[in-house]
Amino acid sequence: MSQQVAQGLEIAAVALVFTLTVLYLAQRQRISFRYTMGWLTLCVISAFTGLLIPLIKPLAAKLQLDAFALIGASAIIILLALCIQLSISISGMQKQVQQLNEDLALQKKVVEDIHAASK
């Protein structure tokens, strides 16, 4: 077995372990379905790129990169995309929490005014 094949299998094995971890967390409802799908997509891409190193080598050669550098760069790009998506989600949730707090403050003021008027 060549070193490339062995490294490809190692990458696939790590991706499989990560996949099982994501599925475990999803089953325990520690991460939502949307994020589970994002992480599983990353796992699948990682596993396939690890196994398809012989097919990736020509593209890497054209880009004057090592095959593993190309795989690493691809993984980093996907992780950055996930981070951006998570940042967008968190920002949306922060806006929702702020809006809820403002609505609650207004409702509290109305209740206090009604209570003060009834005295």
PDB file of N, CA and C in Angstrom:
ATOM      1  N   MET A   1       0.855  -1.173   0.000  1.00  0.00           N
ATOM      2  CA  MET A   1       0.000   0.000   0.000  1.00  0.00           C
ATOM      3  C   MET A   1       0.900   1.235   0.000  1.00  0.00           C
ATOM      4  N   SER A   2       0.618   2.138  -0.915  1.00  0.00           N
ATOM      5  CA  SER A   2       1.442   3.335  -1.013  1.00  0.00           C
ATOM      6  C   SER A   2       1.132   4.284   0.140  1.00  0.00           C
ATOM      7  N   GLN A   3       2.039   5.214   0.324  1.00  0.00           N
ATOM      8  CA  GLN A   3       1.867   6.179   1.411  1.00  0.00           C
ATOM      9  C   GLN A   3       0.636   7.046   1.160  1.00  0.00           C
ATOM     10  N   GLN A   4       0.371   7.390  -0.086  1.00  0.00           N
ATOM     11  CA  GLN A   4      -0.803   8.213  -0.405  1.00  0.00           C
ATOM     12  C   GLN A   4      -2.095   7.491  -0.063  1.00  0.00           C
ATOM     13  N   VAL A   5      -2.169   6.222  -0.412  1.00  0.00           N
ATOM     14  CA  VAL A   5      -3.379   5.454  -0.106  1.00  0.00           C
ATOM     15  C   VAL A   5      -3.563   5.341   1.399  1.00  0.00           C
ATOM     16  N   ALA A   6      -2.458   5.094   2.109  1.00  0.00           N
ATOM     17  CA  ALA A   6      -2.536   4.993   3.569  1.00  0.00           C
ATOM     18  C   ALA A   6      -3.002   6.312   4.175  1.00  0.00           C
ATOM     19  N   GLN A   7      -2.475   7.425   3.686  1.00  0.00           N
ATOM     20  CA  GLN A   7      -2.897   8.725   4.201  1.00  0.00           C
ATOM     21  C   GLN A   7      -4.355   9.010   3.849  1.00  0.00           C
ATOM     22  N   GLY A   8      -4.765   8.622   2.660  1.00  0.00           N
ATOM     23  CA  GLY A   8      -6.156   8.791   2.272  1.00  0.00           C
ATOM     24  C   GLY A   8      -7.088   8.004   3.169  1.00  0.00           C
ATOM     25  N   LEU A   9      -6.705   6.782   3.494  1.00  0.00           N
ATOM     26  CA  LEU A   9      -7.517   5.965   4.401  1.00  0.00           C
ATOM     27  C   LEU A   9      -7.542   6.548   5.810  1.00  0.00           C
ATOM     28  N   GLU A  10      -6.418   7.118   6.242  1.00  0.00           N
ATOM     29  CA  GLU A  10      -6.387   7.755   7.558  1.00  0.00           C
ATOM     30  C   GLU A  10      -7.329   8.960   7.596  1.00  0.00           C
ATOM     31  N   ILE A  11      -7.315   9.754   6.531  1.00  0.00           N
ATOM     32  CA  ILE A  11      -8.217  10.908   6.465  1.00  0.00           C
ATOM     33  C   ILE A  11      -9.667  10.430   6.507  1.00  0.00           C
ATOM     34  N   ALA A  12      -9.970   9.380   5.747  1.00  0.00           N
ATOM     35  CA  ALA A  12     -11.333   8.841   5.732  1.00  0.00           C
ATOM     36  C   ALA A  12     -11.723   8.303   7.107  1.00  0.00           C
ATOM     37  N   ALA A  13     -10.788   7.666   7.804  1.00  0.00           N
ATOM     38  CA  ALA A  13     -11.079   7.126   9.134  1.00  0.00           C
ATOM     39  C   ALA A  13     -11.363   8.257  10.126  1.00  0.00           C
ATOM     40  N   VAL A  14     -10.570   9.313  10.071  1.00  0.00           N
ATOM     41  CA  VAL A  14     -10.805  10.455  10.956  1.00  0.00           C
ATOM     42  C   VAL A  14     -12.163  11.089  10.641  1.00  0.00           C
ATOM     43  N   ALA A  15     -12.478  11.206   9.359  1.00  0.00           N
ATOM     44  CA  ALA A  15     -13.772  11.765   8.960  1.00  0.00           C
ATOM     45  C   ALA A  15     -14.917  10.890   9.476  1.00  0.00           C
ATOM     46  N   LEU A  16     -14.736   9.580   9.443  1.00  0.00           N
ATOM     47  CA  LEU A  16     -15.765   8.668   9.951  1.00  0.00           C
ATOM     48  C   LEU A  16     -15.952   8.840  11.455  1.00  0.00           C
ATOM     49  N   VAL A  17     -14.867   8.959  12.195  1.00  0.00           N
ATOM     50  CA  VAL A  17     -14.965   9.171  13.641  1.00  0.00           C
ATOM     51  C   VAL A  17     -15.673  10.498  13.925  1.00  0.00           C
ATOM     52  N   PHE A  18     -15.316  11.525  13.180  1.00  0.00           N
ATOM     53  CA  PHE A  18     -15.965  12.828  13.348  1.00  0.00           C
ATOM     54  C   PHE A  18     -17.449  12.736  13.004  1.00  0.00           C
ATOM     55  N   THR A  19     -17.787  11.982  11.955  1.00  0.00           N
ATOM     56  CA  THR A  19     -19.180  11.784  11.573  1.00  0.00           C
ATOM     57  C   THR A  19     -19.965  11.121  12.700  1.00  0.00           C
ATOM     58  N   LEU A  20     -19.383  10.094  13.291  1.00  0.00           N
ATOM     59  CA  LEU A  20     -20.047   9.401  14.393  1.00  0.00           C
ATOM     60  C   LEU A  20     -20.244  10.337  15.595  1.00  0.00           C
ATOM     61  N   THR A  21     -19.258  11.204  15.839  1.00  0.00           N
ATOM     62  CA  THR A  21     -19.373  12.168  16.924  1.00  0.00           C
ATOM     63  C   THR A  21     -20.509  13.155  16.659  1.00  0.00           C
ATOM     64  N   VAL A  22     -20.592  13.650  15.433  1.00  0.00           N
ATOM     65  CA  VAL A  22     -21.660  14.591  15.066  1.00  0.00           C
ATOM     66  C   VAL A  22     -23.023  13.916  15.202  1.00  0.00           C
ATOM     67  N   LEU A  23     -23.124  12.677  14.728  1.00  0.00           N
ATOM     68  CA  LEU A  23     -24.392  11.952  14.834  1.00  0.00           C
ATOM     69  C   LEU A  23     -24.782  11.716  16.287  1.00  0.00           C
ATOM     70  N   TYR A  24     -23.806  11.416  17.129  1.00  0.00           N
ATOM     71  CA  TYR A  24     -24.063  11.225  18.556  1.00  0.00           C
ATOM     72  C   TYR A  24     -24.611  12.517  19.169  1.00  0.00           C
ATOM     73  N   LEU A  25     -23.944  13.645  18.853  1.00  0.00           N
ATOM     74  CA  LEU A  25     -24.396  14.933  19.381  1.00  0.00           C
ATOM     75  C   LEU A  25     -25.788  15.290  18.865  1.00  0.00           C
ATOM     76  N   ALA A  26     -26.057  14.974  17.614  1.00  0.00           N
ATOM     77  CA  ALA A  26     -27.378  15.252  17.042  1.00  0.00           C
ATOM     78  C   ALA A  26     -28.449  14.391  17.715  1.00  0.00           C
ATOM     79  N   GLN A  27     -28.114  13.138  17.964  1.00  0.00           N
ATOM     80  CA  GLN A  27     -29.070  12.236  18.601  1.00  0.00           C
ATOM     81  C   GLN A  27     -29.396  12.716  20.018  1.00  0.00           C
ATOM     82  N   ARG A  28     -28.417  13.262  20.711  1.00  0.00           N
ATOM     83  CA  ARG A  28     -28.621  13.789  22.061  1.00  0.00           C
ATOM     84  C   ARG A  28     -29.202  15.202  22.033  1.00  0.00           C
ATOM     85  N   GLN A  29     -29.496  15.694  20.827  1.00  0.00           N
ATOM     86  CA  GLN A  29     -30.074  17.021  20.608  1.00  0.00           C
ATOM     87  C   GLN A  29     -29.193  18.132  21.162  1.00  0.00           C
ATOM     88  N   ARG A  30     -27.885  17.955  21.042  1.00  0.00           N
ATOM     89  CA  ARG A  30     -26.931  18.980  21.456  1.00  0.00           C
ATOM     90  C   ARG A  30     -26.693  19.979  20.326  1.00  0.00           C
ATOM     91  N   ILE A  31     -26.934  19.554  19.058  1.00  0.00           N
ATOM     92  CA  ILE A  31     -26.847  20.460  17.917  1.00  0.00           C
ATOM     93  C   ILE A  31     -28.097  20.273  17.071  1.00  0.00           C
ATOM     94  N   SER A  32     -28.506  21.351  16.417  1.00  0.00           N
ATOM     95  CA  SER A  32     -29.744  21.302  15.642  1.00  0.00           C
ATOM     96  C   SER A  32     -29.527  20.568  14.319  1.00  0.00           C
ATOM     97  N   PHE A  33     -30.633  20.258  13.678  1.00  0.00           N
ATOM     98  CA  PHE A  33     -30.590  19.529  12.407  1.00  0.00           C
ATOM     99  C   PHE A  33     -29.798  20.298  11.356  1.00  0.00           C
ATOM    100  N   ARG A  34     -30.012  21.601  11.289  1.00  0.00           N
ATOM    101  CA  ARG A  34     -29.336  22.416  10.279  1.00  0.00           C
ATOM    102  C   ARG A  34     -27.820  22.351  10.442  1.00  0.00           C
ATOM    103  N   TYR A  35     -27.351  22.465  11.670  1.00  0.00           N
ATOM    104  CA  TYR A  35     -25.910  22.407  11.901  1.00  0.00           C
ATOM    105  C   TYR A  35     -25.379  20.984  11.734  1.00  0.00           C
ATOM    106  N   THR A  36     -26.201  20.017  12.099  1.00  0.00           N
ATOM    107  CA  THR A  36     -25.799  18.624  11.875  1.00  0.00           C
ATOM    108  C   THR A  36     -25.531  18.383  10.400  1.00  0.00           C
ATOM    109  N   MET A  37     -26.408  18.887   9.544  1.00  0.00           N
ATOM    110  CA  MET A  37     -26.224  18.695   8.102  1.00  0.00           C
ATOM    111  C   MET A  37     -24.955  19.397   7.611  1.00  0.00           C
ATOM    112  N   GLY A  38     -24.669  20.565   8.134  1.00  0.00           N
ATOM    113  CA  GLY A  38     -23.448  21.266   7.744  1.00  0.00           C
ATOM    114  C   GLY A  38     -22.202  20.496   8.126  1.00  0.00           C
ATOM    115  N   TRP A  39     -22.161  19.996   9.353  1.00  0.00           N
ATOM    116  CA  TRP A  39     -20.995  19.242   9.803  1.00  0.00           C
ATOM    117  C   TRP A  39     -20.885  17.900   9.068  1.00  0.00           C
ATOM    118  N   LEU A  40     -22.021  17.261   8.813  1.00  0.00           N
ATOM    119  CA  LEU A  40     -21.970  15.995   8.068  1.00  0.00           C
ATOM    120  C   LEU A  40     -21.490  16.217   6.635  1.00  0.00           C
ATOM    121  N   THR A  41     -21.873  17.334   6.045  1.00  0.00           N
ATOM    122  CA  THR A  41     -21.388  17.661   4.705  1.00  0.00           C
ATOM    123  C   THR A  41     -19.874  17.805   4.716  1.00  0.00           C
ATOM    124  N   LEU A  42     -19.351  18.486   5.724  1.00  0.00           N
ATOM    125  CA  LEU A  42     -17.901  18.611   5.856  1.00  0.00           C
ATOM    126  C   LEU A  42     -17.243  17.245   6.005  1.00  0.00           C
ATOM    127  N   CYS A  43     -17.845  16.368   6.788  1.00  0.00           N
ATOM    128  CA  CYS A  43     -17.304  15.022   6.994  1.00  0.00           C
ATOM    129  C   CYS A  43     -17.269  14.232   5.683  1.00  0.00           C
ATOM    130  N   VAL A  44     -18.359  14.289   4.948  1.00  0.00           N
ATOM    131  CA  VAL A  44     -18.436  13.546   3.681  1.00  0.00           C
ATOM    132  C   VAL A  44     -17.410  14.067   2.687  1.00  0.00           C
ATOM    133  N   ILE A  45     -17.310  15.377   2.588  1.00  0.00           N
ATOM    134  CA  ILE A  45     -16.329  15.955   1.667  1.00  0.00           C
ATOM    135  C   ILE A  45     -14.924  15.560   2.077  1.00  0.00           C
ATOM    136  N   SER A  46     -14.642  15.602   3.367  1.00  0.00           N
ATOM    137  CA  SER A  46     -13.317  15.220   3.858  1.00  0.00           C
ATOM    138  C   SER A  46     -13.014  13.762   3.559  1.00  0.00           C
ATOM    139  N   ALA A  47     -13.987  12.891   3.799  1.00  0.00           N
ATOM    140  CA  ALA A  47     -13.771  11.468   3.555  1.00  0.00           C
ATOM    141  C   ALA A  47     -13.517  11.198   2.082  1.00  0.00           C
ATOM    142  N   PHE A  48     -14.317  11.804   1.215  1.00  0.00           N
ATOM    143  CA  PHE A  48     -14.146  11.553  -0.214  1.00  0.00           C
ATOM    144  C   PHE A  48     -12.873  12.161  -0.764  1.00  0.00           C
ATOM    145  N   THR A  49     -12.502  13.342  -0.289  1.00  0.00           N
ATOM    146  CA  THR A  49     -11.257  13.920  -0.785  1.00  0.00           C
ATOM    147  C   THR A  49     -10.065  13.103  -0.312  1.00  0.00           C
ATOM    148  N   GLY A  50     -10.168  12.553   0.883  1.00  0.00           N
ATOM    149  CA  GLY A  50      -9.095  11.682   1.365  1.00  0.00           C
ATOM    150  C   GLY A  50      -8.948  10.435   0.509  1.00  0.00           C
ATOM    151  N   LEU A  51     -10.067   9.884   0.074  1.00  0.00           N
ATOM    152  CA  LEU A  51     -10.027   8.673  -0.742  1.00  0.00           C
ATOM    153  C   LEU A  51      -9.723   8.958  -2.214  1.00  0.00           C
ATOM    154  N   LEU A  52      -9.966  10.173  -2.644  1.00  0.00           N
ATOM    155  CA  LEU A  52      -9.779  10.518  -4.053  1.00  0.00           C
ATOM    156  C   LEU A  52      -8.483  11.287  -4.312  1.00  0.00           C
ATOM    157  N   ILE A  53      -7.505  11.098  -3.460  1.00  0.00           N
ATOM    158  CA  ILE A  53      -6.230  11.797  -3.624  1.00  0.00           C
ATOM    159  C   ILE A  53      -5.612  11.557  -5.003  1.00  0.00           C
ATOM    160  N   PRO A  54      -5.649  10.332  -5.553  1.00  0.00           N
ATOM    161  CA  PRO A  54      -5.073  10.151  -6.893  1.00  0.00           C
ATOM    162  C   PRO A  54      -5.759  11.014  -7.960  1.00  0.00           C
ATOM    163  N   LEU A  55      -7.047  11.290  -7.793  1.00  0.00           N
ATOM    164  CA  LEU A  55      -7.746  12.138  -8.748  1.00  0.00           C
ATOM    165  C   LEU A  55      -7.497  13.627  -8.482  1.00  0.00           C
ATOM    166  N   ILE A  56      -7.170  13.954  -7.254  1.00  0.00           N
ATOM    167  CA  ILE A  56      -6.932  15.339  -6.880  1.00  0.00           C
ATOM    168  C   ILE A  56      -5.524  15.785  -7.281  1.00  0.00           C
ATOM    169  N   LYS A  57      -4.604  14.828  -7.369  1.00  0.00           N
ATOM    170  CA  LYS A  57      -3.211  15.172  -7.671  1.00  0.00           C
ATOM    171  C   LYS A  57      -3.051  16.009  -8.939  1.00  0.00           C
ATOM    172  N   PRO A  58      -3.726  15.686 -10.059  1.00  0.00           N
ATOM    173  CA  PRO A  58      -3.538  16.525 -11.257  1.00  0.00           C
ATOM    174  C   PRO A  58      -3.987  17.978 -11.044  1.00  0.00           C
ATOM    175  N   LEU A  59      -5.106  18.167 -10.350  1.00  0.00           N
ATOM    176  CA  LEU A  59      -5.569  19.523 -10.074  1.00  0.00           C
ATOM    177  C   LEU A  59      -4.576  20.240  -9.160  1.00  0.00           C
ATOM    178  N   ALA A  60      -4.084  19.531  -8.163  1.00  0.00           N
ATOM    179  CA  ALA A  60      -3.101  20.127  -7.253  1.00  0.00           C
ATOM    180  C   ALA A  60      -1.825  20.489  -8.011  1.00  0.00           C
ATOM    181  N   ALA A  61      -1.418  19.638  -8.947  1.00  0.00           N
ATOM    182  CA  ALA A  61      -0.213  19.934  -9.732  1.00  0.00           C
ATOM    183  C   ALA A  61      -0.418  21.188 -10.586  1.00  0.00           C
ATOM    184  N   LYS A  62      -1.613  21.341 -11.151  1.00  0.00           N
ATOM    185  CA  LYS A  62      -1.904  22.540 -11.950  1.00  0.00           C
ATOM    186  C   LYS A  62      -1.858  23.800 -11.089  1.00  0.00           C
ATOM    187  N   LEU A  63      -2.273  23.675  -9.850  1.00  0.00           N
ATOM    188  CA  LEU A  63      -2.263  24.808  -8.935  1.00  0.00           C
ATOM    189  C   LEU A  63      -0.926  24.951  -8.200  1.00  0.00           C
ATOM    190  N   GLN A  64       0.004  24.082  -8.533  1.00  0.00           N
ATOM    191  CA  GLN A  64       1.333  24.049  -7.926  1.00  0.00           C
ATOM    192  C   GLN A  64       1.254  23.862  -6.408  1.00  0.00           C
ATOM    193  N   LEU A  65       0.411  22.912  -6.013  1.00  0.00           N
ATOM    194  CA  LEU A  65       0.236  22.567  -4.611  1.00  0.00           C
ATOM    195  C   LEU A  65       0.424  21.074  -4.425  1.00  0.00           C
ATOM    196  N   ASP A  66       0.666  20.698  -3.190  1.00  0.00           N
ATOM    197  CA  ASP A  66       0.640  19.289  -2.821  1.00  0.00           C
ATOM    198  C   ASP A  66      -0.827  18.886  -2.688  1.00  0.00           C
ATOM    199  N   ALA A  67      -1.149  17.630  -2.943  1.00  0.00           N
ATOM    200  CA  ALA A  67      -2.539  17.165  -2.859  1.00  0.00           C
ATOM    201  C   ALA A  67      -3.116  17.398  -1.466  1.00  0.00           C
ATOM    202  N   PHE A  68      -2.312  17.167  -0.442  1.00  0.00           N
ATOM    203  CA  PHE A  68      -2.802  17.358   0.925  1.00  0.00           C
ATOM    204  C   PHE A  68      -2.973  18.834   1.256  1.00  0.00           C
ATOM    205  N   ALA A  69      -2.169  19.685   0.665  1.00  0.00           N
ATOM    206  CA  ALA A  69      -2.354  21.128   0.857  1.00  0.00           C
ATOM    207  C   ALA A  69      -3.677  21.572   0.230  1.00  0.00           C
ATOM    208  N   LEU A  70      -4.007  21.014  -0.925  1.00  0.00           N
ATOM    209  CA  LEU A  70      -5.276  21.337  -1.578  1.00  0.00           C
ATOM    210  C   LEU A  70      -6.457  20.851  -0.741  1.00  0.00           C
ATOM    211  N   ILE A  71      -6.337  19.655  -0.200  1.00  0.00           N
ATOM    212  CA  ILE A  71      -7.389  19.118   0.668  1.00  0.00           C
ATOM    213  C   ILE A  71      -7.530  19.978   1.914  1.00  0.00           C
ATOM    214  N   GLY A  72      -6.407  20.349   2.504  1.00  0.00           N
ATOM    215  CA  GLY A  72      -6.438  21.204   3.696  1.00  0.00           C
ATOM    216  C   GLY A  72      -7.050  22.555   3.404  1.00  0.00           C
ATOM    217  N   ALA A  73      -6.684  23.142   2.273  1.00  0.00           N
ATOM    218  CA  ALA A  73      -7.252  24.440   1.899  1.00  0.00           C
ATOM    219  C   ALA A  73      -8.757  24.322   1.681  1.00  0.00           C
ATOM    220  N   SER A  74      -9.179  23.243   1.052  1.00  0.00           N
ATOM    221  CA  SER A  74     -10.616  23.028   0.834  1.00  0.00           C
ATOM    222  C   SER A  74     -11.349  22.896   2.167  1.00  0.00           C
ATOM    223  N   ALA A  75     -10.763  22.153   3.084  1.00  0.00           N
ATOM    224  CA  ALA A  75     -11.391  21.980   4.400  1.00  0.00           C
ATOM    225  C   ALA A  75     -11.474  23.312   5.141  1.00  0.00           C
ATOM    226  N   ILE A  76     -10.417  24.112   5.039  1.00  0.00           N
ATOM    227  CA  ILE A  76     -10.427  25.411   5.712  1.00  0.00           C
ATOM    228  C   ILE A  76     -11.497  26.314   5.116  1.00  0.00           C
ATOM    229  N   ILE A  77     -11.651  26.305   3.806  1.00  0.00           N
ATOM    230  CA  ILE A  77     -12.681  27.119   3.160  1.00  0.00           C
ATOM    231  C   ILE A  77     -14.072  26.687   3.630  1.00  0.00           C
ATOM    232  N   ILE A  78     -14.292  25.383   3.711  1.00  0.00           N
ATOM    233  CA  ILE A  78     -15.592  24.883   4.172  1.00  0.00           C
ATOM    234  C   ILE A  78     -15.820  25.265   5.635  1.00  0.00           C
ATOM    235  N   LEU A  79     -14.774  25.150   6.465  1.00  0.00           N
ATOM    236  CA  LEU A  79     -14.913  25.550   7.870  1.00  0.00           C
ATOM    237  C   LEU A  79     -15.196  27.042   8.004  1.00  0.00           C
ATOM    238  N   LEU A  80     -14.545  27.844   7.185  1.00  0.00           N
ATOM    239  CA  LEU A  80     -14.822  29.282   7.220  1.00  0.00           C
ATOM    240  C   LEU A  80     -16.266  29.570   6.813  1.00  0.00           C
ATOM    241  N   ALA A  81     -16.762  28.842   5.817  1.00  0.00           N
ATOM    242  CA  ALA A  81     -18.152  29.019   5.406  1.00  0.00           C
ATOM    243  C   ALA A  81     -19.099  28.645   6.550  1.00  0.00           C
ATOM    244  N   LEU A  82     -18.789  27.558   7.256  1.00  0.00           N
ATOM    245  CA  LEU A  82     -19.607  27.175   8.412  1.00  0.00           C
ATOM    246  C   LEU A  82     -19.546  28.239   9.502  1.00  0.00           C
ATOM    247  N   CYS A  83     -18.368  28.793   9.733  1.00  0.00           N
ATOM    248  CA  CYS A  83     -18.226  29.843  10.749  1.00  0.00           C
ATOM    249  C   CYS A  83     -19.041  31.079  10.380  1.00  0.00           C
ATOM    250  N   ILE A  84     -19.009  31.455   9.118  1.00  0.00           N
ATOM    251  CA  ILE A  84     -19.797  32.607   8.677  1.00  0.00           C
ATOM    252  C   ILE A  84     -21.283  32.330   8.870  1.00  0.00           C
ATOM    253  N   GLN A  85     -21.707  31.124   8.494  1.00  0.00           N
ATOM    254  CA  GLN A  85     -23.119  30.761   8.647  1.00  0.00           C
ATOM    255  C   GLN A  85     -23.518  30.768  10.119  1.00  0.00           C
ATOM    256  N   LEU A  86     -22.656  30.259  10.996  1.00  0.00           N
ATOM    257  CA  LEU A  86     -22.944  30.277  12.431  1.00  0.00           C
ATOM    258  C   LEU A  86     -22.992  31.706  12.953  1.00  0.00           C
ATOM    259  N   SER A  87     -22.102  32.559  12.467  1.00  0.00           N
ATOM    260  CA  SER A  87     -22.102  33.961  12.885  1.00  0.00           C
ATOM    261  C   SER A  87     -23.400  34.653  12.469  1.00  0.00           C
ATOM    262  N   ILE A  88     -23.870  34.358  11.266  1.00  0.00           N
ATOM    263  CA  ILE A  88     -25.132  34.929  10.798  1.00  0.00           C
ATOM    264  C   ILE A  88     -26.281  34.463  11.691  1.00  0.00           C
ATOM    265  N   SER A  89     -26.287  33.180  12.026  1.00  0.00           N
ATOM    266  CA  SER A  89     -27.353  32.645  12.892  1.00  0.00           C
ATOM    267  C   SER A  89     -27.320  33.279  14.272  1.00  0.00           C
ATOM    268  N   ILE A  90     -26.129  33.399  14.834  1.00  0.00           N
ATOM    269  CA  ILE A  90     -26.002  33.992  16.166  1.00  0.00           C
ATOM    270  C   ILE A  90     -26.423  35.452  16.143  1.00  0.00           C
ATOM    271  N   SER A  91     -26.037  36.168  15.107  1.00  0.00           N
ATOM    272  CA  SER A  91     -26.438  37.576  14.988  1.00  0.00           C
ATOM    273  C   SER A  91     -27.953  37.694  14.900  1.00  0.00           C
ATOM    274  N   GLY A  92     -28.588  36.811  14.144  1.00  0.00           N
ATOM    275  CA  GLY A  92     -30.043  36.810  14.050  1.00  0.00           C
ATOM    276  C   GLY A  92     -30.693  36.534  15.390  1.00  0.00           C
ATOM    277  N   MET A  93     -30.135  35.600  16.137  1.00  0.00           N
ATOM    278  CA  MET A  93     -30.682  35.292  17.458  1.00  0.00           C
ATOM    279  C   MET A  93     -30.513  36.462  18.414  1.00  0.00           C
ATOM    280  N   GLN A  94     -29.370  37.153  18.329  1.00  0.00           N
ATOM    281  CA  GLN A  94     -29.162  38.317  19.185  1.00  0.00           C
ATOM    282  C   GLN A  94     -30.190  39.405  18.879  1.00  0.00           C
ATOM    283  N   LYS A  95     -30.494  39.604  17.608  1.00  0.00           N
ATOM    284  CA  LYS A  95     -31.519  40.585  17.243  1.00  0.00           C
ATOM    285  C   LYS A  95     -32.878  40.171  17.781  1.00  0.00           C
ATOM    286  N   GLN A  96     -33.182  38.880  17.699  1.00  0.00           N
ATOM    287  CA  GLN A  96     -34.465  38.392  18.209  1.00  0.00           C
ATOM    288  C   GLN A  96     -34.553  38.582  19.720  1.00  0.00           C
ATOM    289  N   VAL A  97     -33.475  38.289  20.428  1.00  0.00           N
ATOM    290  CA  VAL A  97     -33.471  38.460  21.884  1.00  0.00           C
ATOM    291  C   VAL A  97     -33.628  39.933  22.233  1.00  0.00           C
ATOM    292  N   GLN A  98     -32.941  40.804  21.510  1.00  0.00           N
ATOM    293  CA  GLN A  98     -33.082  42.236  21.766  1.00  0.00           C
ATOM    294  C   GLN A  98     -34.519  42.687  21.524  1.00  0.00           C
ATOM    295  N   GLN A  99     -35.124  42.224  20.439  1.00  0.00           N
ATOM    296  CA  GLN A  99     -36.510  42.592  20.129  1.00  0.00           C
ATOM    297  C   GLN A  99     -37.457  42.061  21.206  1.00  0.00           C
ATOM    298  N   LEU A 100     -37.234  40.847  21.649  1.00  0.00           N
ATOM    299  CA  LEU A 100     -38.067  40.285  22.719  1.00  0.00           C
ATOM    300  C   LEU A 100     -37.927  41.083  24.008  1.00  0.00           C
ATOM    301  N   ASN A 101     -36.701  41.479  24.345  1.00  0.00           N
ATOM    302  CA  ASN A 101     -36.487  42.277  25.552  1.00  0.00           C
ATOM    303  C   ASN A 101     -37.187  43.630  25.449  1.00  0.00           C
ATOM    304  N   GLU A 102     -37.108  44.243  24.282  1.00  0.00           N
ATOM    305  CA  GLU A 102     -37.793  45.529  24.089  1.00  0.00           C
ATOM    306  C   GLU A 102     -39.301  45.350  24.198  1.00  0.00           C
ATOM    307  N   ASP A 103     -39.845  44.310  23.573  1.00  0.00           N
ATOM    308  CA  ASP A 103     -41.281  44.046  23.659  1.00  0.00           C
ATOM    309  C   ASP A 103     -41.701  43.766  25.104  1.00  0.00           C
ATOM    310  N   LEU A 104     -40.885  43.000  25.810  1.00  0.00           N
ATOM    311  CA  LEU A 104     -41.186  42.694  27.205  1.00  0.00           C
ATOM    312  C   LEU A 104     -41.173  43.965  28.052  1.00  0.00           C
ATOM    313  N   ALA A 105     -40.216  44.830  27.810  1.00  0.00           N
ATOM    314  CA  ALA A 105     -40.152  46.087  28.566  1.00  0.00           C
ATOM    315  C   ALA A 105     -41.386  46.938  28.300  1.00  0.00           C
ATOM    316  N   LEU A 106     -41.830  46.988  27.034  1.00  0.00           N
ATOM    317  CA  LEU A 106     -43.039  47.743  26.708  1.00  0.00           C
ATOM    318  C   LEU A 106     -44.262  47.131  27.377  1.00  0.00           C
ATOM    319  N   GLN A 107     -44.375  45.810  27.346  1.00  0.00           N
ATOM    320  CA  GLN A 107     -45.509  45.133  27.991  1.00  0.00           C
ATOM    321  C   GLN A 107     -45.492  45.360  29.500  1.00  0.00           C
ATOM    322  N   LYS A 108     -44.310  45.317  30.073  1.00  0.00           N
ATOM    323  CA  LYS A 108     -44.178  45.543  31.509  1.00  0.00           C
ATOM    324  C   LYS A 108     -44.616  46.967  31.860  1.00  0.00           C
ATOM    325  N   LYS A 109     -44.247  47.925  31.035  1.00  0.00           N
ATOM    326  CA  LYS A 109     -44.643  49.325  31.249  1.00  0.00           C
ATOM    327  C   LYS A 109     -46.156  49.474  31.167  1.00  0.00           C
ATOM    328  N   VAL A 110     -46.780  48.808  30.183  1.00  0.00           N
ATOM    329  CA  VAL A 110     -48.234  48.876  30.040  1.00  0.00           C
ATOM    330  C   VAL A 110     -48.900  48.277  31.269  1.00  0.00           C
ATOM    331  N   VAL A 111     -48.429  47.139  31.736  1.00  0.00           N
ATOM    332  CA  VAL A 111     -49.009  46.486  32.920  1.00  0.00           C
ATOM    333  C   VAL A 111     -48.834  47.373  34.140  1.00  0.00           C
ATOM    334  N   GLU A 112     -47.670  47.969  34.294  1.00  0.00           N
ATOM    335  CA  GLU A 112     -47.431  48.876  35.440  1.00  0.00           C
ATOM    336  C   GLU A 112     -48.349  50.103  35.359  1.00  0.00           C
ATOM    337  N   ASP A 113     -48.523  50.652  34.157  1.00  0.00           N
ATOM    338  CA  ASP A 113     -49.423  51.813  33.997  1.00  0.00           C
ATOM    339  C   ASP A 113     -50.857  51.441  34.333  1.00  0.00           C
ATOM    340  N   ILE A 114     -51.310  50.291  33.900  1.00  0.00           N
ATOM    341  CA  ILE A 114     -52.680  49.833  34.199  1.00  0.00           C
ATOM    342  C   ILE A 114     -52.821  49.617  35.697  1.00  0.00           C
ATOM    343  N   HIS A 115     -51.808  48.999  36.287  1.00  0.00           N
ATOM    344  CA  HIS A 115     -51.855  48.740  37.736  1.00  0.00           C
ATOM    345  C   HIS A 115     -51.863  50.063  38.513  1.00  0.00           C
ATOM    346  N   ALA A 116     -51.055  51.041  38.073  1.00  0.00           N
ATOM    347  CA  ALA A 116     -51.001  52.342  38.755  1.00  0.00           C
ATOM    348  C   ALA A 116     -52.315  53.107  38.570  1.00  0.00           C
ATOM    349  N   ALA A 117     -52.937  52.969  37.402  1.00  0.00           N
ATOM    350  CA  ALA A 117     -54.199  53.674  37.137  1.00  0.00           C
ATOM    351  C   ALA A 117     -55.354  53.090  37.935  1.00  0.00           C
ATOM    352  N   SER A 118     -55.286  51.830  38.233  1.00  0.00           N
ATOM    353  CA  SER A 118     -56.387  51.191  38.965  1.00  0.00           C
ATOM    354  C   SER A 118     -56.322  51.482  40.458  1.00  0.00           C
ATOM    355  N   LYS A 119     -55.239  52.039  40.940  1.00  0.00           N
ATOM    356  CA  LYS A 119     -55.133  52.343  42.383  1.00  0.00           C
ATOM    357  C   LYS A 119     -55.772  53.616  42.721  1.00  0.00           C
TER     358      LYS A 119
END
